[in-house]
Amino acid sequence: MAVGKLSSLREHYICGSCAAFTNILVTFPIQKVLFRQQLHGIRAGEALRQLQRDGLHNLYRGLLPPLLQKTTTVALMFGLYEDLSRLLQRHAEWPELLTRNAAAVLAGTAEAVFTPFERVQTLLQDHRHHSRFNNTFHTFRTLAGDYGVRECYRGLVPILLRNGPSNALFFGLRGPIKEQLPEAQTHAAHLVNDFICGGLLGAMLGILFFPLNVLKTRMQSQVGGPFLPSRQVFFTILKERDGKVMHLYRGAHLNYHRSILSWGIINATYELLLKLM
């Protein structure tokens, strides 16, 4: 009985990890275009021209950090959410909605432990650092060795502000949105509904938290120097973009479409694997 229960708990971690792996392989090139827009405030056409100048051999440069980071954090997102929900329901006399929101926020906060992977991904995707950092392991070694472990966690604050609330909204709205879709009668229809549900949520959350990702990208593109407050960096970016909030959303349209595809894949793959295990 205990073995069966443990196996059941592990399923959420395994399914989440496999879903993230599938998503990263499919959407990584789109993410690189989006990254350039977030960092430089340029249009999609110019970002694509930058990638063309970098060459095809650099297209998947920086793949390993998001592969490691996403397969781990999405596994924690789904797995910890389920574990913490059970734990809080057992020991805290809270309403179910509060229990599940708390579990989602705590799971998102735990994911921030893997901020160094996002940090390294940022540096490897930034063409200004191509000659400085060779690969994932060289970047980790350089950051930790030359600047200390703290440097690996640059940009932690916007990540914390993003992860907890976005998790709470994702898990809180996933069920209600799926209930509004036409009732699925076949396995294929269930897969489509899960894709639509995940995609809609991903797109909504991507737009909502887009400025935080812009802030995180700017902070993490810096190597060495003072750790400036998030507020100060945010207003610096805003000033550089003519003080217009809409200019912070450069790349948001591409992020919208990428999020539909990305979270559609993650949610559909997770639910499919969960049914198969």
C-alpha atoms as a PDB file:
ATOM      1  CA  MET A   1       0.000   0.000   0.000  1.00  0.00           C
ATOM      2  CA  ALA A   2       2.803   2.402   0.923  1.00  0.00           C
ATOM      3  CA  VAL A   3       4.723   1.554  -2.260  1.00  0.00           C
ATOM      4  CA  GLY A   4       1.632   2.180  -4.378  1.00  0.00           C
ATOM      5  CA  LYS A   5       1.031   5.515  -2.676  1.00  0.00           C
ATOM      6  CA  LEU A   6       4.649   6.572  -3.172  1.00  0.00           C
ATOM      7  CA  SER A   7       4.496   5.555  -6.834  1.00  0.00           C
ATOM      8  CA  SER A   8       1.330   7.608  -7.255  1.00  0.00           C
ATOM      9  CA  LEU A   9       3.010  10.673  -5.765  1.00  0.00           C
ATOM     10  CA  ARG A  10       6.032  10.284  -8.029  1.00  0.00           C
ATOM     11  CA  GLU A  11       3.839  10.197 -11.134  1.00  0.00           C
ATOM     12  CA  HIS A  12       3.164  13.946 -10.922  1.00  0.00           C
ATOM     13  CA  TYR A  13       6.894  14.730 -10.874  1.00  0.00           C
ATOM     14  CA  ILE A  14       7.702  12.351 -13.751  1.00  0.00           C
ATOM     15  CA  CYS A  15       4.814  13.537 -15.927  1.00  0.00           C
ATOM     16  CA  GLY A  16       5.655  17.189 -15.294  1.00  0.00           C
ATOM     17  CA  SER A  17       9.307  16.643 -16.191  1.00  0.00           C
ATOM     18  CA  CYS A  18       8.509  14.779 -19.441  1.00  0.00           C
ATOM     19  CA  ALA A  19       5.954  17.428 -20.433  1.00  0.00           C
ATOM     20  CA  ALA A  20       8.529  20.205 -19.953  1.00  0.00           C
ATOM     21  CA  PHE A  21      11.169  18.260 -21.929  1.00  0.00           C
ATOM     22  CA  THR A  22       8.812  17.953 -24.912  1.00  0.00           C
ATOM     23  CA  ASN A  23       7.885  21.621 -24.739  1.00  0.00           C
ATOM     24  CA  ILE A  24      11.461  22.961 -24.620  1.00  0.00           C
ATOM     25  CA  LEU A  25      12.597  20.989 -27.670  1.00  0.00           C
ATOM     26  CA  VAL A  26       9.669  22.325 -29.710  1.00  0.00           C
ATOM     27  CA  THR A  27       9.621  25.984 -28.627  1.00  0.00           C
ATOM     28  CA  PHE A  28      13.283  26.883 -27.947  1.00  0.00           C
ATOM     29  CA  PRO A  29      13.901  28.763 -31.255  1.00  0.00           C
ATOM     30  CA  ILE A  30      10.788  30.895 -30.638  1.00  0.00           C
ATOM     31  CA  GLN A  31      12.049  31.649 -27.133  1.00  0.00           C
ATOM     32  CA  LYS A  32      15.344  32.951 -28.557  1.00  0.00           C
ATOM     33  CA  VAL A  33      13.543  35.475 -30.753  1.00  0.00           C
ATOM     34  CA  LEU A  34      11.430  36.566 -27.777  1.00  0.00           C
ATOM     35  CA  PHE A  35      14.525  36.868 -25.563  1.00  0.00           C
ATOM     36  CA  ARG A  36      16.189  39.294 -27.994  1.00  0.00           C
ATOM     37  CA  GLN A  37      13.056  41.434 -28.049  1.00  0.00           C
ATOM     38  CA  GLN A  38      12.836  41.526 -24.253  1.00  0.00           C
ATOM     39  CA  LEU A  39      16.508  42.400 -23.874  1.00  0.00           C
ATOM     40  CA  HIS A  40      16.880  45.024 -26.596  1.00  0.00           C
ATOM     41  CA  GLY A  41      13.312  46.272 -27.095  1.00  0.00           C
ATOM     42  CA  ILE A  42      13.501  45.479 -30.826  1.00  0.00           C
ATOM     43  CA  ARG A  43      10.906  44.194 -33.255  1.00  0.00           C
ATOM     44  CA  ALA A  44      10.562  40.537 -34.214  1.00  0.00           C
ATOM     45  CA  GLY A  45      12.073  41.113 -37.677  1.00  0.00           C
ATOM     46  CA  GLU A  46      15.291  42.544 -36.237  1.00  0.00           C
ATOM     47  CA  ALA A  47      15.490  39.742 -33.651  1.00  0.00           C
ATOM     48  CA  LEU A  48      15.198  37.178 -36.468  1.00  0.00           C
ATOM     49  CA  ARG A  49      17.931  38.957 -38.441  1.00  0.00           C
ATOM     50  CA  GLN A  50      20.186  38.793 -35.359  1.00  0.00           C
ATOM     51  CA  LEU A  51      19.657  35.027 -35.148  1.00  0.00           C
ATOM     52  CA  GLN A  52      20.390  34.692 -38.868  1.00  0.00           C
ATOM     53  CA  ARG A  53      23.658  36.579 -38.412  1.00  0.00           C
ATOM     54  CA  ASP A  54      24.543  34.328 -35.470  1.00  0.00           C
ATOM     55  CA  GLY A  55      24.193  31.302 -37.742  1.00  0.00           C
ATOM     56  CA  LEU A  56      22.314  27.998 -37.569  1.00  0.00           C
ATOM     57  CA  HIS A  57      24.999  26.448 -35.341  1.00  0.00           C
ATOM     58  CA  ASN A  58      24.081  28.978 -32.621  1.00  0.00           C
ATOM     59  CA  LEU A  59      20.297  28.446 -32.879  1.00  0.00           C
ATOM     60  CA  TYR A  60      20.186  25.932 -30.018  1.00  0.00           C
ATOM     61  CA  ARG A  61      23.016  27.590 -28.083  1.00  0.00           C
ATOM     62  CA  GLY A  62      21.852  27.824 -24.469  1.00  0.00           C
ATOM     63  CA  LEU A  63      19.449  24.872 -24.775  1.00  0.00           C
ATOM     64  CA  LEU A  64      20.831  22.862 -21.833  1.00  0.00           C
ATOM     65  CA  PRO A  65      20.038  25.367 -19.019  1.00  0.00           C
ATOM     66  CA  PRO A  66      16.306  25.702 -19.875  1.00  0.00           C
ATOM     67  CA  LEU A  67      16.137  21.955 -20.492  1.00  0.00           C
ATOM     68  CA  LEU A  68      17.547  21.272 -17.022  1.00  0.00           C
ATOM     69  CA  GLN A  69      15.658  24.127 -15.411  1.00  0.00           C
ATOM     70  CA  LYS A  70      12.243  23.512 -16.973  1.00  0.00           C
ATOM     71  CA  THR A  71      12.241  19.722 -16.593  1.00  0.00           C
ATOM     72  CA  THR A  72      13.045  20.240 -12.910  1.00  0.00           C
ATOM     73  CA  THR A  73      10.823  23.219 -12.126  1.00  0.00           C
ATOM     74  CA  VAL A  74       7.752  21.942 -13.980  1.00  0.00           C
ATOM     75  CA  ALA A  75       8.195  18.612 -12.192  1.00  0.00           C
ATOM     76  CA  LEU A  76       8.237  20.556  -8.904  1.00  0.00           C
ATOM     77  CA  MET A  77       5.344  22.741 -10.016  1.00  0.00           C
ATOM     78  CA  PHE A  78       3.008  19.777 -10.496  1.00  0.00           C
ATOM     79  CA  GLY A  79       4.548  17.400  -7.952  1.00  0.00           C
ATOM     80  CA  LEU A  80       4.972  19.811  -5.047  1.00  0.00           C
ATOM     81  CA  TYR A  81       1.559  21.294  -5.691  1.00  0.00           C
ATOM     82  CA  GLU A  82      -0.046  17.873  -5.254  1.00  0.00           C
ATOM     83  CA  ASP A  83       2.116  16.946  -2.246  1.00  0.00           C
ATOM     84  CA  LEU A  84       1.669  20.280  -0.461  1.00  0.00           C
ATOM     85  CA  SER A  85      -2.069  20.295  -1.159  1.00  0.00           C
ATOM     86  CA  ARG A  86      -2.396  16.897   0.543  1.00  0.00           C
ATOM     87  CA  LEU A  87      -0.155  17.981   3.419  1.00  0.00           C
ATOM     88  CA  LEU A  88      -1.996  21.237   4.080  1.00  0.00           C
ATOM     89  CA  GLN A  89      -5.414  19.591   3.788  1.00  0.00           C
ATOM     90  CA  ARG A  90      -4.317  17.048   6.375  1.00  0.00           C
ATOM     91  CA  HIS A  91      -2.790  19.457   8.912  1.00  0.00           C
ATOM     92  CA  ALA A  92      -4.338  22.896   8.313  1.00  0.00           C
ATOM     93  CA  GLU A  93      -7.996  23.597   8.921  1.00  0.00           C
ATOM     94  CA  TRP A  94      -8.281  25.985   5.992  1.00  0.00           C
ATOM     95  CA  PRO A  95     -10.872  26.265   3.206  1.00  0.00           C
ATOM     96  CA  GLU A  96      -9.853  24.158   0.195  1.00  0.00           C
ATOM     97  CA  LEU A  97      -9.377  27.218  -2.027  1.00  0.00           C
ATOM     98  CA  LEU A  98      -6.917  28.776   0.433  1.00  0.00           C
ATOM     99  CA  THR A  99      -5.102  25.457   0.877  1.00  0.00           C
ATOM    100  CA  ARG A 100      -4.605  24.969  -2.844  1.00  0.00           C
ATOM    101  CA  ASN A 101      -3.541  28.591  -3.416  1.00  0.00           C
ATOM    102  CA  ALA A 102      -0.994  28.305  -0.607  1.00  0.00           C
ATOM    103  CA  ALA A 103       0.325  25.032  -2.061  1.00  0.00           C
ATOM    104  CA  ALA A 104       0.670  26.628  -5.511  1.00  0.00           C
ATOM    105  CA  VAL A 105       2.539  29.683  -4.162  1.00  0.00           C
ATOM    106  CA  LEU A 106       4.884  27.525  -2.068  1.00  0.00           C
ATOM    107  CA  ALA A 107       5.605  25.279  -5.052  1.00  0.00           C
ATOM    108  CA  GLY A 108       6.395  28.332  -7.179  1.00  0.00           C
ATOM    109  CA  THR A 109       8.693  29.712  -4.491  1.00  0.00           C
ATOM    110  CA  ALA A 110      10.543  26.382  -4.317  1.00  0.00           C
ATOM    111  CA  GLU A 111      11.091  26.506  -8.096  1.00  0.00           C
ATOM    112  CA  ALA A 112      13.116  29.708  -7.650  1.00  0.00           C
ATOM    113  CA  VAL A 113      15.944  27.601  -6.192  1.00  0.00           C
ATOM    114  CA  PHE A 114      16.795  26.838  -9.833  1.00  0.00           C
ATOM    115  CA  THR A 115      17.240  30.492 -10.803  1.00  0.00           C
ATOM    116  CA  PRO A 116      20.892  29.826 -11.832  1.00  0.00           C
ATOM    117  CA  PHE A 117      19.633  27.890 -14.854  1.00  0.00           C
ATOM    118  CA  GLU A 118      17.644  30.915 -16.053  1.00  0.00           C
ATOM    119  CA  ARG A 119      20.693  33.070 -15.319  1.00  0.00           C
ATOM    120  CA  VAL A 120      22.981  30.947 -17.484  1.00  0.00           C
ATOM    121  CA  GLN A 121      20.389  30.672 -20.246  1.00  0.00           C
ATOM    122  CA  THR A 122      20.175  34.480 -20.408  1.00  0.00           C
ATOM    123  CA  LEU A 123      23.926  34.862 -20.790  1.00  0.00           C
ATOM    124  CA  LEU A 124      24.241  32.141 -23.420  1.00  0.00           C
ATOM    125  CA  GLN A 125      21.418  33.605 -25.516  1.00  0.00           C
ATOM    126  CA  ASP A 126      22.785  37.160 -25.343  1.00  0.00           C
ATOM    127  CA  HIS A 127      24.998  37.597 -28.437  1.00  0.00           C
ATOM    128  CA  ARG A 128      27.126  40.137 -26.544  1.00  0.00           C
ATOM    129  CA  HIS A 129      28.457  37.267 -24.396  1.00  0.00           C
ATOM    130  CA  HIS A 130      29.074  34.708 -27.177  1.00  0.00           C
ATOM    131  CA  SER A 131      32.835  35.210 -27.062  1.00  0.00           C
ATOM    132  CA  ARG A 132      32.989  35.210 -23.258  1.00  0.00           C
ATOM    133  CA  PHE A 133      31.030  32.078 -22.333  1.00  0.00           C
ATOM    134  CA  ASN A 134      31.594  28.803 -24.178  1.00  0.00           C
ATOM    135  CA  ASN A 135      28.811  26.585 -22.829  1.00  0.00           C
ATOM    136  CA  THR A 136      26.607  25.880 -19.823  1.00  0.00           C
ATOM    137  CA  PHE A 137      29.304  24.428 -17.577  1.00  0.00           C
ATOM    138  CA  HIS A 138      31.858  27.103 -18.486  1.00  0.00           C
ATOM    139  CA  THR A 139      29.301  29.817 -17.665  1.00  0.00           C
ATOM    140  CA  PHE A 140      28.449  28.272 -14.294  1.00  0.00           C
ATOM    141  CA  ARG A 141      32.128  27.882 -13.467  1.00  0.00           C
ATOM    142  CA  THR A 142      32.939  31.464 -14.464  1.00  0.00           C
ATOM    143  CA  LEU A 143      30.047  33.012 -12.528  1.00  0.00           C
ATOM    144  CA  ALA A 144      30.611  31.028  -9.343  1.00  0.00           C
ATOM    145  CA  GLY A 145      34.406  31.086  -9.523  1.00  0.00           C
ATOM    146  CA  ASP A 146      34.954  34.735 -10.476  1.00  0.00           C
ATOM    147  CA  TYR A 147      31.987  36.385  -8.790  1.00  0.00           C
ATOM    148  CA  GLY A 148      30.629  33.954  -6.203  1.00  0.00           C
ATOM    149  CA  VAL A 149      27.445  31.897  -5.968  1.00  0.00           C
ATOM    150  CA  ARG A 150      25.373  35.033  -5.334  1.00  0.00           C
ATOM    151  CA  GLU A 151      25.996  36.111  -8.925  1.00  0.00           C
ATOM    152  CA  CYS A 152      24.131  32.999 -10.109  1.00  0.00           C
ATOM    153  CA  TYR A 153      20.996  34.310  -8.379  1.00  0.00           C
ATOM    154  CA  ARG A 154      20.926  37.738 -10.002  1.00  0.00           C
ATOM    155  CA  GLY A 155      17.314  38.461 -10.980  1.00  0.00           C
ATOM    156  CA  LEU A 156      15.834  36.354  -8.173  1.00  0.00           C
ATOM    157  CA  VAL A 157      13.297  38.968  -7.017  1.00  0.00           C
ATOM    158  CA  PRO A 158      11.288  39.209 -10.283  1.00  0.00           C
ATOM    159  CA  ILE A 159      11.354  35.406 -10.515  1.00  0.00           C
ATOM    160  CA  LEU A 160       9.842  35.104  -7.027  1.00  0.00           C
ATOM    161  CA  LEU A 161       7.228  37.747  -7.855  1.00  0.00           C
ATOM    162  CA  ARG A 162       6.336  35.797 -10.990  1.00  0.00           C
ATOM    163  CA  ASN A 163       6.392  32.167  -9.863  1.00  0.00           C
ATOM    164  CA  GLY A 164       4.077  32.098  -6.844  1.00  0.00           C
ATOM    165  CA  PRO A 165       1.160  34.166  -8.201  1.00  0.00           C
ATOM    166  CA  SER A 166       1.334  32.573 -11.669  1.00  0.00           C
ATOM    167  CA  ASN A 167       1.199  29.078 -10.135  1.00  0.00           C
ATOM    168  CA  ALA A 168      -1.808  30.031  -8.009  1.00  0.00           C
ATOM    169  CA  LEU A 169      -3.660  31.366 -11.043  1.00  0.00           C
ATOM    170  CA  PHE A 170      -2.703  28.384 -13.213  1.00  0.00           C
ATOM    171  CA  PHE A 171      -3.935  25.727 -10.796  1.00  0.00           C
ATOM    172  CA  GLY A 172      -6.886  27.807  -9.644  1.00  0.00           C
ATOM    173  CA  LEU A 173      -8.251  28.446 -13.144  1.00  0.00           C
ATOM    174  CA  ARG A 174      -7.294  25.209 -14.900  1.00  0.00           C
ATOM    175  CA  GLY A 175     -10.364  23.303 -13.726  1.00  0.00           C
ATOM    176  CA  PRO A 176     -12.967  26.061 -14.300  1.00  0.00           C
ATOM    177  CA  ILE A 177     -11.672  26.766 -17.832  1.00  0.00           C
ATOM    178  CA  LYS A 178     -11.774  23.100 -18.793  1.00  0.00           C
ATOM    179  CA  GLU A 179     -15.337  22.840 -17.516  1.00  0.00           C
ATOM    180  CA  GLN A 180     -16.374  25.550 -19.988  1.00  0.00           C
ATOM    181  CA  LEU A 181     -15.058  23.576 -22.980  1.00  0.00           C
ATOM    182  CA  PRO A 182     -17.270  21.089 -24.889  1.00  0.00           C
ATOM    183  CA  GLU A 183     -17.447  17.752 -23.067  1.00  0.00           C
ATOM    184  CA  ALA A 184     -14.845  15.349 -24.437  1.00  0.00           C
ATOM    185  CA  GLN A 185     -16.068  11.926 -25.528  1.00  0.00           C
ATOM    186  CA  THR A 186     -12.789  10.486 -26.869  1.00  0.00           C
ATOM    187  CA  HIS A 187      -9.123  10.397 -25.823  1.00  0.00           C
ATOM    188  CA  ALA A 188      -8.271  12.741 -28.702  1.00  0.00           C
ATOM    189  CA  ALA A 189     -10.933  15.212 -27.586  1.00  0.00           C
ATOM    190  CA  HIS A 190      -9.575  15.125 -24.017  1.00  0.00           C
ATOM    191  CA  LEU A 191      -6.091  15.851 -25.401  1.00  0.00           C
ATOM    192  CA  VAL A 192      -7.400  18.806 -27.419  1.00  0.00           C
ATOM    193  CA  ASN A 193      -9.277  20.199 -24.401  1.00  0.00           C
ATOM    194  CA  ASP A 194      -6.177  19.907 -22.207  1.00  0.00           C
ATOM    195  CA  PHE A 195      -4.121  21.661 -24.890  1.00  0.00           C
ATOM    196  CA  ILE A 196      -6.654  24.490 -25.214  1.00  0.00           C
ATOM    197  CA  CYS A 197      -6.968  24.866 -21.438  1.00  0.00           C
ATOM    198  CA  GLY A 198      -3.197  24.989 -20.897  1.00  0.00           C
ATOM    199  CA  GLY A 199      -2.667  27.258 -23.898  1.00  0.00           C
ATOM    200  CA  LEU A 200      -5.273  29.808 -22.832  1.00  0.00           C
ATOM    201  CA  LEU A 201      -3.890  29.942 -19.303  1.00  0.00           C
ATOM    202  CA  GLY A 202      -0.299  30.174 -20.520  1.00  0.00           C
ATOM    203  CA  ALA A 203      -1.139  33.030 -22.888  1.00  0.00           C
ATOM    204  CA  MET A 204      -3.029  34.947 -20.191  1.00  0.00           C
ATOM    205  CA  LEU A 205      -0.304  34.527 -17.576  1.00  0.00           C
ATOM    206  CA  GLY A 206       2.406  35.307 -20.129  1.00  0.00           C
ATOM    207  CA  ILE A 207       0.827  38.681 -20.870  1.00  0.00           C
ATOM    208  CA  LEU A 208       0.116  39.408 -17.202  1.00  0.00           C
ATOM    209  CA  PHE A 209       3.668  38.748 -16.026  1.00  0.00           C
ATOM    210  CA  PHE A 210       5.512  39.875 -19.182  1.00  0.00           C
ATOM    211  CA  PRO A 211       7.031  43.046 -17.623  1.00  0.00           C
ATOM    212  CA  LEU A 212       8.544  40.917 -14.837  1.00  0.00           C
ATOM    213  CA  ASN A 213      10.264  38.764 -17.454  1.00  0.00           C
ATOM    214  CA  VAL A 214      11.602  41.894 -19.170  1.00  0.00           C
ATOM    215  CA  LEU A 215      12.966  43.038 -15.803  1.00  0.00           C
ATOM    216  CA  LYS A 216      14.479  39.619 -15.090  1.00  0.00           C
ATOM    217  CA  THR A 217      16.134  39.485 -18.522  1.00  0.00           C
ATOM    218  CA  ARG A 218      17.751  42.903 -18.086  1.00  0.00           C
ATOM    219  CA  MET A 219      19.017  42.114 -14.593  1.00  0.00           C
ATOM    220  CA  GLN A 220      20.415  38.739 -15.631  1.00  0.00           C
ATOM    221  CA  SER A 221      22.182  40.068 -18.717  1.00  0.00           C
ATOM    222  CA  GLN A 222      24.592  41.938 -16.419  1.00  0.00           C
ATOM    223  CA  VAL A 223      27.757  40.191 -15.224  1.00  0.00           C
ATOM    224  CA  GLY A 224      29.450  41.597 -12.142  1.00  0.00           C
ATOM    225  CA  GLY A 225      28.868  45.016 -10.656  1.00  0.00           C
ATOM    226  CA  PRO A 226      26.346  46.096  -8.024  1.00  0.00           C
ATOM    227  CA  PHE A 227      23.042  44.301  -7.433  1.00  0.00           C
ATOM    228  CA  LEU A 228      20.653  47.130  -8.228  1.00  0.00           C
ATOM    229  CA  PRO A 229      17.137  47.104  -6.714  1.00  0.00           C
ATOM    230  CA  SER A 230      14.462  45.734  -9.037  1.00  0.00           C
ATOM    231  CA  ARG A 231      12.530  48.992  -8.820  1.00  0.00           C
ATOM    232  CA  GLN A 232      15.531  51.006 -10.015  1.00  0.00           C
ATOM    233  CA  VAL A 233      16.212  48.656 -12.948  1.00  0.00           C
ATOM    234  CA  PHE A 234      12.542  48.737 -13.936  1.00  0.00           C
ATOM    235  CA  PHE A 235      12.451  52.531 -14.137  1.00  0.00           C
ATOM    236  CA  THR A 236      15.740  52.552 -16.059  1.00  0.00           C
ATOM    237  CA  ILE A 237      14.199  50.249 -18.686  1.00  0.00           C
ATOM    238  CA  LEU A 238      11.069  52.391 -18.783  1.00  0.00           C
ATOM    239  CA  LYS A 239      13.141  55.548 -19.314  1.00  0.00           C
ATOM    240  CA  GLU A 240      15.133  53.910 -22.120  1.00  0.00           C
ATOM    241  CA  ARG A 241      11.844  53.013 -23.838  1.00  0.00           C
ATOM    242  CA  ASP A 242      10.596  56.614 -23.896  1.00  0.00           C
ATOM    243  CA  GLY A 243       8.641  56.198 -20.670  1.00  0.00           C
ATOM    244  CA  LYS A 244       5.933  54.217 -22.464  1.00  0.00           C
ATOM    245  CA  VAL A 245       4.621  51.146 -20.665  1.00  0.00           C
ATOM    246  CA  MET A 246       3.534  49.635 -23.981  1.00  0.00           C
ATOM    247  CA  HIS A 247       7.181  49.533 -25.064  1.00  0.00           C
ATOM    248  CA  LEU A 248       7.798  47.120 -22.191  1.00  0.00           C
ATOM    249  CA  TYR A 249       5.563  44.725 -24.097  1.00  0.00           C
ATOM    250  CA  ARG A 250       7.854  44.462 -27.117  1.00  0.00           C
ATOM    251  CA  GLY A 251       7.743  40.760 -27.925  1.00  0.00           C
ATOM    252  CA  ALA A 252       4.486  40.206 -26.037  1.00  0.00           C
ATOM    253  CA  HIS A 253       2.631  39.158 -29.195  1.00  0.00           C
ATOM    254  CA  LEU A 254       5.247  36.482 -29.899  1.00  0.00           C
ATOM    255  CA  ASN A 255       5.206  35.468 -26.231  1.00  0.00           C
ATOM    256  CA  TYR A 256       1.412  35.148 -26.463  1.00  0.00           C
ATOM    257  CA  HIS A 257       1.642  32.667 -29.335  1.00  0.00           C
ATOM    258  CA  ARG A 258       4.620  30.853 -27.801  1.00  0.00           C
ATOM    259  CA  SER A 259       2.779  30.520 -24.486  1.00  0.00           C
ATOM    260  CA  ILE A 260      -0.279  29.047 -26.182  1.00  0.00           C
ATOM    261  CA  LEU A 261       1.929  26.418 -27.826  1.00  0.00           C
ATOM    262  CA  SER A 262       4.219  25.915 -24.822  1.00  0.00           C
ATOM    263  CA  TRP A 263       1.613  25.551 -22.061  1.00  0.00           C
ATOM    264  CA  GLY A 264      -0.730  23.721 -24.377  1.00  0.00           C
ATOM    265  CA  ILE A 265       1.992  21.110 -24.912  1.00  0.00           C
ATOM    266  CA  ILE A 266       2.873  20.972 -21.203  1.00  0.00           C
ATOM    267  CA  ASN A 267      -0.709  20.605 -19.967  1.00  0.00           C
ATOM    268  CA  ALA A 268      -1.785  18.137 -22.652  1.00  0.00           C
ATOM    269  CA  THR A 269       1.379  16.012 -22.310  1.00  0.00           C
ATOM    270  CA  TYR A 270       1.143  16.030 -18.497  1.00  0.00           C
ATOM    271  CA  GLU A 271      -2.495  14.918 -18.476  1.00  0.00           C
ATOM    272  CA  LEU A 272      -1.868  12.288 -21.170  1.00  0.00           C
ATOM    273  CA  LEU A 273       1.097  10.779 -19.336  1.00  0.00           C
ATOM    274  CA  LEU A 274      -0.798  10.860 -16.043  1.00  0.00           C
ATOM    275  CA  LYS A 275      -3.569   8.770 -17.612  1.00  0.00           C
ATOM    276  CA  LEU A 276      -1.052   6.299 -19.106  1.00  0.00           C
ATOM    277  CA  MET A 277       0.911   5.725 -15.877  1.00  0.00           C
END
